[in-house]
Amino acid sequence: MRVLPARLGALLLLFIPLVTLADASRDRFGAAGYFRIMTRPDFSGGSGQLGYYWLYGRLLNESPYGELNLRLDVLQSAPGTDEAWAEVHTRFSGTSFRSADPGNGSFVNFRADYLFVRAGNILLDRVTWQLGTLEDRWNDLHIYDQRPATLLWDTVGLSGTYQGDRYDVLLAVGDSGYTLRPQKYNTVLTGAASFRYRLIPGHLELGVRGQLGYEPDVRGNRNALYASPNTNYEDYVRREVVQRYFEQNPGQADYEVGNLTPRSALSYRAMGYVGFGNVGPLIWDNLYLTFERKHPDQSYTERVRDREFSVFIADQTDERYEAALGNEAYIKLIPDKLEALWGVWVGYAFNEDNAIKPGDDDRLIASTVLRLQYFLTERVHLLVETSIATERSKNGNLYRNHVDSVFTNSGGVPDSRGLEYGDSDTRNTWQGKVGVVLNPTGRGIYARPSLRLLYGLQHSSQHAAFGNSFVDSLDQYNTYIGPERHWHSVVAIEAEGWF
């Protein structure tokens, strides 16, 4: 038995082809959804999140979120037959609700995630065709709220999935141009393939996935990729390419780059998966290994001499890579009394173009999160979670350990022109969360809806390592300078569920 991730398990009905249903027909229209909303009074001057992001575990680090999934059966087949069938799916999601976040419920924070037609028993037996947006997921890492094996979330096109008795195969082709650059579209041809095999059904399965994107060079297309000649990487990260040009060419009235060189681009993602479980107290374990080469950026603008100039940066952004290992284990330690989720994440990002500026494109991160849920009664549970994480910059100091280290570089002296941000290349963070969970549907760490009253505590080596509005400047006129803050705590009242 494979354990489904919390959110996807609840929405399963929307994603099972009609041909797999057994004995009874279903309503032509179906709806399902997911939500989370919370209030987190923060007396430390923060924005209501315990830490910065999901690396410390998603609890108390996430924002409000909601989604609504809709399905319409356009053509139904009789149960147990091989008649053709077709259905239409769409999803709307957003991250804002009134009084719960800065967006205050504005529809600007919502979007239509996908729209596609899915059909089966056409041309080939056991093949489900999908036309439209092509996002395809395997099991989530729920404790981090991450989906490392998701394919084609950025692609519109056509896919076909063959479902065998012990394996499934997916092939897809489409275009990702509008996701990568919505306002500066250029075609990015995208292909993907996926294979998963149940080696020991209910106990062990293996899978591999891959996605490839290719953007051709198109001379004359203003939205294509180009390289601006003689662009220094330091000038690029400082956004001073045009300024330096005018300093070196004082007689020039305009920014003249000569003939721009068109560039093509190749990006890709590769994923490996092992799922195993139903052995002793281990219900299921999802293990993923991923590697990605990111697609290059097209351009940015600089304002010099009261004018806007475009600087094309394909050559400065075409060697960014990320590798990650993620794992989540679901364990029943004491049947009907105590369950656990244990997650591990290790990630390494590197940028072959960047050897001078610390940032998220050149760093190593590692984390482990353990959540325990004890069932005091059928519907009243106790939740305890702890996490330890480390983040290390590979290009120098990225983190501020002290309130007065805004402009301190590795030499220990102020440098307002330096590319380093703080006085340390490492951020170490611990979080602990404890509280009471009310689960109307009964026992289970995945049971929803959940009503939670939680207290969270964080300690970080970085000063003020949480979302906040503290003043960063050390200007002599800054009247807001305060004490160092390495501890942070919040109280949360929140609800999460699906329907």
Protein backbone atom coordinates (compact mmCIF):
# COMPACT_ATOMS: atom_id res chain seq x y z
CA MET A 1 0.00 0.00 0.00
CA ARG A 2 1.48 3.32 -1.00
CA VAL A 3 0.84 6.19 1.43
CA LEU A 4 -0.38 9.25 -0.42
CA PRO A 5 0.81 12.72 0.60
CA ALA A 6 -1.66 14.64 2.68
CA ARG A 7 -2.97 17.11 0.15
CA LEU A 8 -2.84 14.87 -2.90
CA GLY A 9 -4.46 11.97 -1.14
CA ALA A 10 -7.49 14.10 -0.44
CA LEU A 11 -7.74 15.18 -4.05
CA LEU A 12 -7.28 11.71 -5.53
CA LEU A 13 -10.72 11.54 -7.08
CA LEU A 14 -9.89 14.31 -9.50
CA PHE A 15 -6.90 12.48 -10.91
CA ILE A 16 -8.09 8.88 -11.35
CA PRO A 17 -9.06 8.16 -14.96
CA LEU A 18 -12.68 7.09 -15.28
CA VAL A 19 -11.63 3.79 -16.84
CA THR A 20 -10.24 2.62 -13.50
CA LEU A 21 -13.50 3.00 -11.62
CA ALA A 22 -15.10 -0.35 -10.94
CA ASP A 23 -18.79 -0.83 -10.50
CA ALA A 24 -20.65 2.48 -10.40
CA SER A 25 -20.72 5.62 -12.48
CA ARG A 26 -20.02 8.97 -10.83
CA ASP A 27 -21.48 12.44 -11.07
CA ARG A 28 -20.48 14.33 -14.20
CA PHE A 29 -19.19 17.22 -12.07
CA GLY A 30 -16.68 16.94 -9.22
CA ALA A 31 -15.00 19.47 -6.93
CA ALA A 32 -12.28 19.14 -4.33
CA GLY A 33 -9.88 21.48 -2.63
CA TYR A 34 -7.34 22.30 0.03
CA PHE A 35 -6.91 25.23 2.40
CA ARG A 36 -4.83 26.50 5.27
CA ILE A 37 -5.38 29.73 7.17
CA MET A 38 -3.86 31.00 10.38
CA THR A 39 -3.26 33.88 12.74
CA ARG A 40 0.15 34.16 14.39
CA PRO A 41 0.57 37.03 16.83
CA ASP A 42 4.24 37.96 16.73
CA PHE A 43 5.54 40.07 19.63
CA SER A 44 9.10 40.03 18.29
CA GLY A 45 8.41 42.40 15.42
CA GLY A 46 8.18 39.65 12.81
CA SER A 47 5.64 39.01 10.08
CA GLY A 48 4.03 35.94 11.65
CA GLN A 49 6.36 33.24 10.32
CA LEU A 50 8.69 31.45 12.71
CA GLY A 51 11.58 31.33 10.22
CA TYR A 52 12.30 32.15 6.62
CA TYR A 53 11.02 29.15 4.69
CA TRP A 54 10.26 25.43 4.38
CA LEU A 55 13.80 24.12 5.11
CA TYR A 56 12.95 24.17 8.81
CA GLY A 57 9.73 22.21 8.29
CA ARG A 58 6.63 23.73 6.78
CA LEU A 59 4.68 24.16 10.06
CA LEU A 60 4.69 27.84 11.15
CA ASN A 61 6.89 28.72 8.17
CA GLU A 62 4.23 28.69 5.45
CA SER A 63 1.75 31.34 4.33
CA PRO A 64 -2.02 30.99 3.88
CA TYR A 65 -2.99 28.96 0.84
CA GLY A 66 -6.11 27.64 -0.85
CA GLU A 67 -6.96 25.75 -4.02
CA LEU A 68 -10.12 24.59 -5.75
CA ASN A 69 -10.01 21.68 -8.22
CA LEU A 70 -12.88 21.21 -10.66
CA ARG A 71 -13.65 18.26 -12.96
CA LEU A 72 -16.32 17.80 -15.61
CA ASP A 73 -16.95 14.48 -17.35
CA VAL A 74 -17.59 15.39 -20.96
CA LEU A 75 -17.96 11.78 -22.10
CA GLN A 76 -18.62 8.96 -19.64
CA SER A 77 -18.10 5.30 -20.31
CA ALA A 78 -20.10 2.51 -18.78
CA PRO A 79 -18.29 0.96 -15.78
CA GLY A 80 -16.24 -2.11 -16.69
CA THR A 81 -16.19 -1.37 -20.43
CA ASP A 82 -13.49 -0.12 -22.80
CA GLU A 83 -15.60 2.72 -24.18
CA ALA A 84 -13.96 6.08 -24.83
CA TRP A 85 -14.17 8.68 -22.05
CA ALA A 86 -13.12 12.32 -21.66
CA GLU A 87 -12.99 14.83 -18.83
CA VAL A 88 -11.96 18.47 -18.31
CA HIS A 89 -9.94 19.63 -15.28
CA THR A 90 -9.03 23.05 -13.94
CA ARG A 91 -7.57 24.39 -10.71
CA PHE A 92 -7.59 27.81 -9.06
CA SER A 93 -5.19 28.59 -6.21
CA GLY A 94 -3.94 31.52 -4.21
CA THR A 95 -2.00 32.64 -1.15
CA SER A 96 -4.12 35.37 0.39
CA PHE A 97 -7.20 35.72 2.58
CA ARG A 98 -8.60 38.84 4.15
CA SER A 99 -6.96 39.80 7.45
CA ALA A 100 -4.50 36.87 7.26
CA ASP A 101 -1.63 38.25 5.15
CA PRO A 102 -0.37 41.38 3.36
CA GLY A 103 -2.46 40.58 0.26
CA ASN A 104 -5.63 40.94 2.35
CA GLY A 105 -7.55 38.54 0.11
CA SER A 106 -6.99 40.35 -3.17
CA PHE A 107 -7.64 38.25 -6.30
CA VAL A 108 -4.28 39.52 -7.58
CA ASN A 109 -2.81 36.75 -5.43
CA PHE A 110 -4.83 34.00 -7.16
CA ARG A 111 -4.41 32.32 -10.51
CA ALA A 112 -5.72 29.58 -12.77
CA ASP A 113 -3.05 26.90 -12.31
CA TYR A 114 -4.10 24.58 -15.08
CA LEU A 115 -6.70 23.61 -17.64
CA PHE A 116 -6.56 20.33 -19.54
CA VAL A 117 -8.62 17.66 -21.24
CA ARG A 118 -7.94 14.06 -20.27
CA ALA A 119 -9.24 11.15 -22.35
CA GLY A 120 -8.85 7.39 -22.54
CA ASN A 121 -9.62 4.31 -24.66
CA ILE A 122 -8.72 6.27 -27.78
CA LEU A 123 -6.18 4.83 -30.26
CA LEU A 124 -4.35 2.75 -27.63
CA ASP A 125 -5.56 0.57 -24.77
CA ARG A 126 -4.56 1.59 -21.25
CA VAL A 127 -3.27 4.97 -22.48
CA THR A 128 -4.59 8.20 -20.98
CA TRP A 129 -4.09 11.29 -23.14
CA GLN A 130 -3.80 14.77 -21.68
CA LEU A 131 -3.97 17.98 -23.73
CA GLY A 132 -3.41 21.41 -22.17
CA THR A 133 -1.30 22.11 -19.11
CA LEU A 134 0.69 18.97 -18.28
CA GLU A 135 1.75 19.12 -14.61
CA ASP A 136 2.32 15.58 -13.34
CA ARG A 137 3.15 14.74 -9.70
CA TRP A 138 4.41 11.82 -7.74
CA ASN A 139 4.28 11.65 -3.93
CA ASP A 140 5.04 14.88 -2.09
CA LEU A 141 7.43 15.36 0.81
CA HIS A 142 4.66 16.63 3.04
CA ILE A 143 6.78 17.68 6.00
CA TYR A 144 8.65 20.14 3.75
CA ASP A 145 5.72 20.89 1.44
CA GLN A 146 8.00 20.05 -1.49
CA ARG A 147 7.32 18.14 -4.72
CA PRO A 148 10.74 17.09 -6.01
CA ALA A 149 9.41 14.66 -8.64
CA THR A 150 6.92 17.03 -10.29
CA LEU A 151 7.24 17.16 -14.08
CA LEU A 152 5.92 19.63 -16.62
CA TRP A 153 4.46 22.17 -14.18
CA ASP A 154 5.69 24.83 -16.61
CA THR A 155 4.50 23.18 -19.84
CA VAL A 156 1.45 23.20 -22.08
CA GLY A 157 1.18 20.46 -24.71
CA LEU A 158 0.26 16.77 -25.08
CA SER A 159 1.12 13.77 -22.93
CA GLY A 160 0.31 10.07 -22.98
CA THR A 161 0.46 7.78 -19.94
CA TYR A 162 0.38 3.99 -20.24
CA GLN A 163 -0.78 2.19 -17.10
CA GLY A 164 0.38 -1.42 -16.89
CA ASP A 165 -0.26 -3.95 -14.17
CA ARG A 166 3.03 -3.18 -12.42
CA TYR A 167 4.40 -0.14 -14.19
CA ASP A 168 3.44 3.18 -15.80
CA VAL A 169 5.13 5.15 -18.57
CA LEU A 170 4.65 8.81 -19.49
CA LEU A 171 5.78 10.65 -22.63
CA ALA A 172 5.08 14.33 -23.24
CA VAL A 173 5.92 17.20 -25.55
CA GLY A 174 5.03 20.88 -25.33
CA ASP A 175 6.17 24.47 -24.83
CA SER A 176 7.34 26.18 -21.60
CA GLY A 177 8.03 29.65 -22.98
CA TYR A 178 5.16 31.48 -21.30
CA THR A 179 6.02 30.15 -17.84
CA LEU A 180 9.69 31.05 -18.09
CA ARG A 181 9.15 34.57 -19.47
CA PRO A 182 5.46 35.55 -19.43
CA GLN A 183 5.93 39.06 -20.85
CA LYS A 184 8.86 38.19 -23.14
CA TYR A 185 7.73 34.92 -24.65
CA ASN A 186 9.97 32.88 -26.89
CA THR A 187 9.37 29.22 -27.71
CA VAL A 188 11.01 26.74 -25.34
CA LEU A 189 10.43 23.28 -26.80
CA THR A 190 9.94 20.81 -23.94
CA GLY A 191 9.92 17.04 -23.78
CA ALA A 192 9.59 14.69 -20.82
CA ALA A 193 9.58 10.99 -20.02
CA SER A 194 8.80 8.99 -16.91
CA PHE A 195 8.93 5.34 -15.86
CA ARG A 196 7.85 3.77 -12.56
CA TYR A 197 7.93 0.06 -11.74
CA ARG A 198 6.39 -1.71 -8.74
CA LEU A 199 9.11 -4.24 -8.04
CA ILE A 200 7.25 -5.70 -5.04
CA PRO A 201 3.70 -4.31 -5.16
CA GLY A 202 2.83 -2.61 -1.91
CA HIS A 203 6.42 -2.82 -0.64
CA LEU A 204 8.95 -1.49 -3.16
CA GLU A 205 8.79 0.66 -6.30
CA LEU A 206 11.39 2.48 -8.37
CA GLY A 207 11.09 5.37 -10.80
CA VAL A 208 13.00 7.76 -13.03
CA ARG A 209 11.84 11.00 -14.65
CA GLY A 210 13.37 13.57 -16.93
CA GLN A 211 12.48 16.84 -18.63
CA LEU A 212 14.39 18.73 -21.32
CA GLY A 213 13.84 22.28 -22.58
CA TYR A 214 15.40 23.83 -25.67
CA GLU A 215 15.15 27.49 -26.70
CA PRO A 216 16.44 28.13 -30.24
CA ASP A 217 18.36 31.27 -31.15
CA VAL A 218 16.22 33.60 -33.26
CA ARG A 219 18.07 36.63 -34.60
CA GLY A 220 15.81 39.66 -34.82
CA ASN A 221 13.36 38.51 -32.15
CA ARG A 222 13.57 40.98 -29.27
CA ASN A 223 12.36 38.29 -26.84
CA ALA A 224 15.02 35.74 -27.79
CA LEU A 225 18.25 35.13 -25.87
CA TYR A 226 21.25 37.31 -26.64
CA ALA A 227 24.65 38.06 -25.13
CA SER A 228 25.69 41.67 -24.61
CA PRO A 229 29.40 41.83 -25.51
CA ASN A 230 32.10 42.81 -23.02
CA THR A 231 29.86 42.33 -19.98
CA ASN A 232 31.80 41.88 -16.76
CA TYR A 233 30.12 39.58 -14.21
CA GLU A 234 30.74 41.95 -11.32
CA ASP A 235 29.17 44.82 -13.27
CA TYR A 236 26.22 42.55 -14.03
CA VAL A 237 25.53 41.63 -10.40
CA ARG A 238 25.89 45.27 -9.37
CA ARG A 239 23.63 46.34 -12.26
CA GLU A 240 26.32 48.76 -13.48
CA VAL A 241 27.05 47.50 -17.01
CA VAL A 242 25.72 50.61 -18.77
CA GLN A 243 27.20 52.96 -16.20
CA ARG A 244 30.65 51.44 -16.70
CA TYR A 245 30.23 51.69 -20.47
CA PHE A 246 29.66 55.45 -20.29
CA GLU A 247 32.59 55.88 -17.90
CA GLN A 248 34.87 54.09 -20.37
CA ASN A 249 33.37 55.87 -23.39
CA PRO A 250 32.73 59.44 -22.20
CA GLY A 251 32.11 60.71 -25.70
CA GLN A 252 29.28 58.30 -26.45
CA ALA A 253 25.75 59.64 -26.38
CA ASP A 254 24.16 56.19 -26.39
CA TYR A 255 24.83 52.68 -25.06
CA GLU A 256 26.16 50.93 -28.17
CA VAL A 257 26.67 47.20 -27.86
CA GLY A 258 27.26 46.51 -31.52
CA ASN A 259 25.72 43.36 -32.93
CA LEU A 260 24.09 41.29 -30.22
CA THR A 261 25.02 37.63 -30.38
CA PRO A 262 21.97 35.32 -30.41
CA ARG A 263 22.07 32.40 -28.01
CA SER A 264 20.26 29.09 -27.80
CA ALA A 265 19.69 27.41 -24.45
CA LEU A 266 19.33 23.91 -23.04
CA SER A 267 17.88 23.25 -19.59
CA TYR A 268 16.87 19.99 -17.94
CA ARG A 269 15.66 18.18 -14.82
CA ALA A 270 16.36 14.57 -13.86
CA MET A 271 14.82 12.69 -10.93
CA GLY A 272 15.28 9.29 -9.37
CA TYR A 273 12.76 7.79 -6.95
CA VAL A 274 12.59 4.88 -4.50
CA GLY A 275 9.43 4.15 -2.53
CA PHE A 276 9.23 1.38 0.04
CA GLY A 277 7.22 0.42 3.11
CA ASN A 278 4.64 -1.76 4.82
CA VAL A 279 7.47 -3.34 6.82
CA GLY A 280 7.06 -3.33 10.58
CA PRO A 281 6.23 0.17 11.87
CA LEU A 282 7.31 1.81 8.57
CA ILE A 283 4.18 2.59 6.56
CA TRP A 284 5.92 4.24 3.62
CA ASP A 285 9.12 6.07 2.69
CA ASN A 286 9.62 8.36 -0.31
CA LEU A 287 13.24 8.98 -1.37
CA TYR A 288 14.10 11.37 -4.23
CA LEU A 289 17.34 12.42 -5.89
CA THR A 290 17.14 15.33 -8.35
CA PHE A 291 19.47 17.33 -10.57
CA GLU A 292 18.58 20.44 -12.55
CA ARG A 293 20.18 22.85 -14.95
CA LYS A 294 18.20 26.09 -14.88
CA HIS A 295 17.15 28.00 -17.97
CA PRO A 296 19.09 31.26 -18.52
CA ASP A 297 17.53 34.68 -18.06
CA GLN A 298 17.02 37.00 -20.99
CA SER A 299 17.74 40.56 -19.87
CA TYR A 300 17.31 43.26 -17.27
CA THR A 301 17.16 47.05 -17.48
CA GLU A 302 19.40 49.76 -16.07
CA ARG A 303 18.36 53.36 -15.65
CA VAL A 304 21.23 55.71 -16.55
CA ARG A 305 21.01 59.34 -17.66
CA ASP A 306 17.24 59.22 -17.09
CA ARG A 307 16.84 56.47 -19.69
CA GLU A 308 16.15 52.72 -19.60
CA PHE A 309 18.72 50.44 -21.24
CA SER A 310 18.40 46.66 -21.77
CA VAL A 311 21.35 44.43 -20.90
CA PHE A 312 21.18 40.88 -22.27
CA ILE A 313 22.55 38.29 -19.84
CA ALA A 314 22.27 34.80 -21.35
CA ASP A 315 26.01 34.26 -20.91
CA GLN A 316 25.91 35.30 -17.24
CA THR A 317 23.00 33.00 -16.25
CA ASP A 318 23.38 29.84 -18.33
CA GLU A 319 25.40 27.69 -15.91
CA ARG A 320 23.21 27.51 -12.80
CA TYR A 321 22.70 24.02 -11.36
CA GLU A 322 20.93 22.47 -8.39
CA ALA A 323 21.10 18.99 -6.89
CA ALA A 324 18.97 17.71 -4.02
CA LEU A 325 18.25 14.62 -1.97
CA GLY A 326 14.92 14.50 -0.16
CA ASN A 327 13.36 11.81 2.00
CA GLU A 328 10.23 11.42 4.12
CA ALA A 329 9.28 8.42 6.24
CA TYR A 330 5.82 7.81 7.72
CA ILE A 331 6.06 5.59 10.80
CA LYS A 332 3.47 4.17 13.21
CA LEU A 333 5.52 3.91 16.37
CA ILE A 334 2.63 2.77 18.60
CA PRO A 335 -0.52 1.67 16.72
CA ASP A 336 -3.46 4.02 17.38
CA LYS A 337 -1.31 6.02 19.80
CA LEU A 338 1.83 7.55 18.29
CA GLU A 339 2.81 8.33 14.67
CA ALA A 340 5.81 10.11 13.20
CA LEU A 341 6.97 11.88 10.05
CA TRP A 342 10.73 12.14 9.58
CA GLY A 343 12.19 14.19 6.78
CA VAL A 344 15.72 14.82 5.48
CA TRP A 345 16.76 17.35 2.84
CA VAL A 346 20.22 18.03 1.39
CA GLY A 347 20.66 20.51 -1.44
CA TYR A 348 23.60 21.95 -3.35
CA ALA A 349 23.35 24.87 -5.76
CA PHE A 350 26.28 26.07 -7.85
CA ASN A 351 26.76 28.69 -10.54
CA GLU A 352 29.75 28.23 -12.82
CA ASP A 353 29.52 31.87 -13.91
CA ASN A 354 29.59 33.28 -10.39
CA ALA A 355 32.79 33.21 -8.38
CA ILE A 356 32.45 36.50 -6.51
CA LYS A 357 28.99 37.04 -5.01
CA PRO A 358 27.41 35.01 -2.20
CA GLY A 359 23.82 34.01 -2.83
CA ASP A 360 21.29 31.21 -3.14
CA ASP A 361 22.86 30.15 -6.46
CA ASP A 362 26.07 28.98 -4.71
CA ARG A 363 25.29 27.29 -1.41
CA LEU A 364 24.91 24.03 0.48
CA ILE A 365 21.83 23.37 2.63
CA ALA A 366 20.95 20.46 4.90
CA SER A 367 18.02 19.81 7.18
CA THR A 368 16.22 17.17 9.19
CA VAL A 369 12.70 17.47 10.62
CA LEU A 370 10.90 15.11 12.99
CA ARG A 371 7.19 15.40 13.80
CA LEU A 372 5.45 13.27 16.44
CA GLN A 373 1.69 13.16 16.90
CA TYR A 374 0.29 11.46 19.99
CA PHE A 375 -3.41 10.61 20.12
CA LEU A 376 -4.66 11.62 23.56
CA THR A 377 -8.17 10.66 22.47
CA GLU A 378 -9.82 9.80 19.16
CA ARG A 379 -9.99 13.48 18.18
CA VAL A 380 -7.60 15.32 20.50
CA HIS A 381 -3.92 14.95 19.64
CA LEU A 382 -0.60 16.33 20.87
CA LEU A 383 1.89 17.49 18.22
CA VAL A 384 5.63 17.95 18.78
CA GLU A 385 8.07 18.87 15.99
CA THR A 386 11.75 19.79 15.92
CA SER A 387 14.17 20.65 13.12
CA ILE A 388 17.85 21.40 12.65
CA ALA A 389 19.16 23.09 9.50
CA THR A 390 22.40 24.54 8.21
CA GLU A 391 22.98 26.76 5.17
CA ARG A 392 26.46 27.56 3.91
CA SER A 393 27.37 30.09 1.24
CA LYS A 394 30.18 29.00 -1.11
CA ASN A 395 31.19 32.52 -2.20
CA GLY A 396 31.73 34.32 1.08
CA ASN A 397 29.62 35.95 3.74
CA LEU A 398 25.88 35.95 3.14
CA TYR A 399 24.49 36.10 6.68
CA ARG A 400 24.50 38.73 9.42
CA ASN A 401 25.32 37.33 12.86
CA HIS A 402 25.17 40.73 14.53
CA VAL A 403 23.04 43.82 14.28
CA ASP A 404 26.06 45.94 13.29
CA SER A 405 27.47 43.64 10.60
CA VAL A 406 25.54 44.94 7.61
CA PHE A 407 28.61 46.09 5.72
CA THR A 408 31.27 43.87 7.28
CA ASN A 409 33.25 41.72 4.87
CA SER A 410 35.52 38.75 5.53
CA GLY A 411 38.38 41.12 6.33
CA GLY A 412 36.42 42.51 9.26
CA VAL A 413 36.27 46.08 7.96
CA PRO A 414 33.32 48.06 6.59
CA ASP A 415 33.09 48.00 2.81
CA SER A 416 30.02 49.64 1.30
CA ARG A 417 31.08 48.46 -2.17
CA GLY A 418 31.64 44.87 -1.09
CA LEU A 419 29.55 42.06 -2.52
CA GLU A 420 29.26 40.31 0.84
CA TYR A 421 26.20 41.04 2.94
CA GLY A 422 27.22 40.09 6.47
CA ASP A 423 29.96 38.60 8.61
CA SER A 424 29.36 34.84 8.24
CA ASP A 425 29.10 32.30 5.46
CA THR A 426 26.91 29.98 7.58
CA ARG A 427 23.43 30.13 9.06
CA ASN A 428 22.46 27.45 11.62
CA THR A 429 18.83 27.25 12.70
CA TRP A 430 16.90 25.20 15.23
CA GLN A 431 13.12 25.18 15.55
CA GLY A 432 10.76 23.51 18.00
CA LYS A 433 6.95 23.41 17.83
CA VAL A 434 4.44 22.00 20.28
CA GLY A 435 0.67 22.18 20.58
CA VAL A 436 -2.75 20.61 20.57
CA VAL A 437 -4.46 19.33 17.42
CA LEU A 438 -8.20 18.77 17.08
CA ASN A 439 -8.97 16.25 14.31
CA PRO A 440 -12.73 15.78 13.82
CA THR A 441 -12.15 12.78 11.52
CA GLY A 442 -10.15 10.83 14.10
CA ARG A 443 -6.64 9.45 14.50
CA GLY A 444 -3.88 9.86 11.92
CA ILE A 445 -1.01 12.24 11.30
CA TYR A 446 -2.49 12.82 7.83
CA ALA A 447 -6.09 13.14 9.07
CA ARG A 448 -7.77 16.39 8.07
CA PRO A 449 -9.27 18.84 8.75
CA SER A 450 -6.97 19.84 11.59
CA LEU A 451 -7.50 22.69 14.03
CA ARG A 452 -4.19 23.51 15.70
CA LEU A 453 -3.04 25.67 18.60
CA LEU A 454 0.76 25.75 18.39
CA TYR A 455 3.73 27.48 19.99
CA GLY A 456 6.94 27.72 18.00
CA LEU A 457 10.44 28.69 19.08
CA GLN A 458 13.48 29.34 16.87
CA HIS A 459 17.14 30.01 17.51
CA SER A 460 19.38 31.04 14.62
CA SER A 461 23.01 32.08 14.39
CA GLN A 462 21.79 34.91 12.15
CA HIS A 463 20.43 38.12 13.61
CA ALA A 464 16.66 38.47 13.03
CA ALA A 465 16.41 35.31 10.90
CA PHE A 466 12.71 35.63 10.15
CA GLY A 467 10.43 37.77 8.02
CA ASN A 468 10.46 41.25 9.52
CA SER A 469 10.57 44.96 8.81
CA PHE A 470 13.68 45.79 10.81
CA VAL A 471 15.83 48.60 9.44
CA ASP A 472 19.05 47.26 7.89
CA SER A 473 20.84 50.56 7.49
CA LEU A 474 23.52 51.72 9.93
CA ASP A 475 23.02 55.32 8.85
CA GLN A 476 23.62 57.81 11.67
CA TYR A 477 20.05 59.07 11.27
CA ASN A 478 18.51 55.63 11.75
CA THR A 479 16.42 55.84 14.91
CA TYR A 480 15.29 52.19 14.82
CA ILE A 481 18.52 50.39 15.76
CA GLY A 482 17.64 47.68 18.27
CA PRO A 483 19.20 44.73 20.09
CA GLU A 484 20.38 41.53 18.47
CA ARG A 485 17.66 38.93 17.97
CA HIS A 486 18.65 35.26 17.73
CA TRP A 487 15.55 33.85 19.39
CA HIS A 488 12.09 34.13 17.87
CA SER A 489 8.73 32.71 18.95
CA VAL A 490 5.15 32.82 17.71
CA VAL A 491 1.80 31.49 18.83
CA ALA A 492 -0.42 30.14 16.05
CA ILE A 493 -4.09 29.32 15.73
CA GLU A 494 -4.59 27.65 12.38
CA ALA A 495 -6.79 25.38 10.34
CA GLU A 496 -5.83 23.04 7.51
CA GLY A 497 -7.99 20.67 5.52
CA TRP A 498 -9.28 19.38 2.23
CA PHE A 499 -12.66 18.57 0.88
